[in-house]
Amino acid sequence: PGSHMPNLCTDYCVPSTVIIKHRRPFALFSRAPEGSLQQDSDLRDLKPESLSARISGMEDDETPIVRASAAAPNSNHLGLPVAQLVGMKFDKKLNDFSPVIQYLSKEMLDAYLVTGVRREKRECLLQSFVQPTQG
């Protein structure tokens, strides 16, 4: 029997994703038209204003991201979430790492990309927020 390789656009929705490493945006990944995940090689795409447009879904050439109808946890009610910051934090009680997710409004995303990323001590992922579907 053959194995089924998942199609990232139909089986899984992988949004635009930035890898944060060494206190700076390290790499940007996005969906290619055929559904595969591709790394963007243009270094201009890693500048704060370019990342903000890509992650928040404000670019003309990208399919608009479905936004939440209500603020997600940790959005501080400054607006609907446009991004999520996913990292790991060591939990002393569990003696293991636990995932930490912070939801960012457009304003919070812009502030993070300009100043927050340089204070980031952990490696993490910054992703476009996509409204979860029932399934």
Protein backbone atom coordinates (compact mmCIF):
# COMPACT_ATOMS: atom_id res chain seq x y z
CA PRO A 1 0.00 0.00 0.00
CA GLY A 2 1.25 3.49 -0.84
CA SER A 3 1.67 6.14 1.80
CA HIS A 4 -0.30 9.35 1.68
CA MET A 5 1.83 12.50 1.82
CA PRO A 6 -0.28 15.34 3.23
CA ASN A 7 -1.01 18.33 1.04
CA LEU A 8 -0.36 21.36 3.24
CA CYS A 9 -3.19 23.39 1.71
CA THR A 10 -5.93 20.78 1.78
CA ASP A 11 -4.97 18.44 4.64
CA TYR A 12 -3.42 21.12 6.87
CA CYS A 13 -3.56 24.88 6.78
CA VAL A 14 0.00 26.08 7.37
CA PRO A 15 -0.10 29.88 7.50
CA SER A 16 2.76 32.24 6.69
CA THR A 17 5.41 31.45 9.30
CA VAL A 18 8.51 33.30 10.50
CA ILE A 19 11.21 31.51 12.46
CA ILE A 20 12.60 33.76 15.21
CA LYS A 21 16.14 32.73 16.08
CA HIS A 22 19.06 34.60 17.69
CA ARG A 23 16.78 37.59 18.41
CA ARG A 24 15.90 38.26 14.79
CA PRO A 25 13.65 36.95 12.03
CA PHE A 26 15.64 34.05 10.62
CA ALA A 27 13.47 32.65 7.83
CA LEU A 28 10.03 33.15 6.28
CA PHE A 29 7.92 30.31 4.94
CA SER A 30 4.68 30.55 2.99
CA ARG A 31 2.40 28.41 0.87
CA ALA A 32 3.15 28.04 -2.80
CA PRO A 33 0.15 28.04 -5.17
CA GLU A 34 0.25 24.24 -5.47
CA GLY A 35 0.14 23.84 -1.68
CA SER A 36 3.76 23.09 -0.83
CA LEU A 37 5.63 25.04 1.82
CA GLN A 38 8.37 27.26 0.44
CA GLN A 39 11.05 29.43 2.02
CA ASP A 40 11.14 33.03 0.82
CA SER A 41 14.71 33.90 -0.08
CA ASP A 42 14.40 37.68 -0.49
CA LEU A 43 16.00 39.25 2.61
CA ARG A 44 13.76 42.33 2.21
CA ASP A 45 10.89 40.03 3.23
CA LEU A 46 12.44 39.83 6.72
CA LYS A 47 12.12 43.57 7.42
CA PRO A 48 9.45 44.49 10.00
CA GLU A 49 7.10 46.24 7.56
CA SER A 50 7.27 43.36 5.05
CA LEU A 51 6.74 40.75 7.76
CA SER A 52 3.83 42.68 9.21
CA ALA A 53 2.10 42.84 5.82
CA ARG A 54 2.71 39.14 5.16
CA ILE A 55 1.73 37.88 8.60
CA SER A 56 -1.33 40.11 8.98
CA GLY A 57 -2.61 39.12 5.52
CA MET A 58 -2.50 42.69 4.21
CA GLU A 59 -0.64 41.84 0.99
CA ASP A 60 -2.53 42.12 -2.27
CA ASP A 61 -1.17 38.89 -3.74
CA GLU A 62 -2.08 36.61 -0.82
CA THR A 63 -5.45 35.08 -0.05
CA PRO A 64 -7.02 37.03 2.82
CA ILE A 65 -6.81 35.26 6.13
CA VAL A 66 -10.10 34.47 7.84
CA ARG A 67 -10.16 36.53 11.04
CA ALA A 68 -11.71 35.64 14.36
CA SER A 69 -15.12 37.01 15.22
CA ALA A 70 -14.04 37.55 18.83
CA ALA A 71 -10.69 38.32 20.42
CA ALA A 72 -8.62 35.27 21.30
CA PRO A 73 -7.05 34.84 24.74
CA ASN A 74 -4.05 37.12 25.37
CA SER A 75 -5.09 39.62 22.69
CA ASN A 76 -5.62 42.26 25.42
CA HIS A 77 -8.72 43.40 23.49
CA LEU A 78 -6.56 45.75 21.40
CA GLY A 79 -8.09 44.29 18.27
CA LEU A 80 -8.71 40.96 16.66
CA PRO A 81 -5.72 38.63 16.47
CA VAL A 82 -3.74 38.69 13.24
CA ALA A 83 -0.79 36.59 14.46
CA GLN A 84 0.26 34.04 17.01
CA LEU A 85 3.65 33.73 18.64
CA VAL A 86 4.43 30.10 19.51
CA GLY A 87 7.32 29.18 21.77
CA MET A 88 8.33 26.82 24.54
CA LYS A 89 8.83 27.58 28.23
CA PHE A 90 10.43 25.34 30.82
CA ASP A 91 7.90 24.32 33.49
CA LYS A 92 9.73 23.54 36.75
CA LYS A 93 6.72 21.69 38.20
CA LEU A 94 6.55 19.34 35.23
CA ASN A 95 10.33 19.33 34.72
CA ASP A 96 9.62 19.66 31.02
CA PHE A 97 8.91 22.23 28.32
CA SER A 98 5.37 23.46 27.69
CA PRO A 99 4.09 25.36 24.68
CA VAL A 100 3.29 29.05 25.10
CA ILE A 101 1.03 30.81 22.62
CA GLN A 102 0.49 34.56 22.57
CA TYR A 103 -2.09 36.09 20.24
CA LEU A 104 -1.21 39.44 18.70
CA SER A 105 -3.40 42.20 17.29
CA LYS A 106 -2.05 44.21 14.34
CA GLU A 107 -0.73 46.86 16.73
CA MET A 108 0.93 44.25 18.96
CA LEU A 109 2.45 42.52 15.91
CA ASP A 110 3.97 45.77 14.66
CA ALA A 111 5.42 46.56 18.10
CA TYR A 112 6.82 43.03 18.43
CA LEU A 113 8.53 43.16 15.04
CA VAL A 114 10.13 46.55 15.73
CA THR A 115 11.31 46.07 19.33
CA GLY A 116 10.09 42.83 20.88
CA VAL A 117 11.92 40.43 18.61
CA ARG A 118 15.27 41.83 19.77
CA ARG A 119 14.37 41.03 23.39
CA GLU A 120 13.23 37.50 22.54
CA LYS A 121 15.40 34.99 24.40
CA ARG A 122 13.76 31.88 23.01
CA GLU A 123 13.47 30.47 19.55
CA CYS A 124 9.88 30.65 18.40
CA LEU A 125 7.49 30.80 15.49
CA LEU A 126 5.47 33.81 14.46
CA GLN A 127 2.48 32.78 12.35
CA SER A 128 -0.52 34.33 10.68
CA PHE A 129 -3.58 33.69 12.81
CA VAL A 130 -6.15 31.51 11.10
CA GLN A 131 -9.60 31.10 12.59
CA PRO A 132 -9.99 27.47 13.75
CA THR A 133 -12.72 25.49 12.04
CA GLN A 134 -14.98 22.93 13.57
CA GLY A 135 -14.02 19.47 12.55
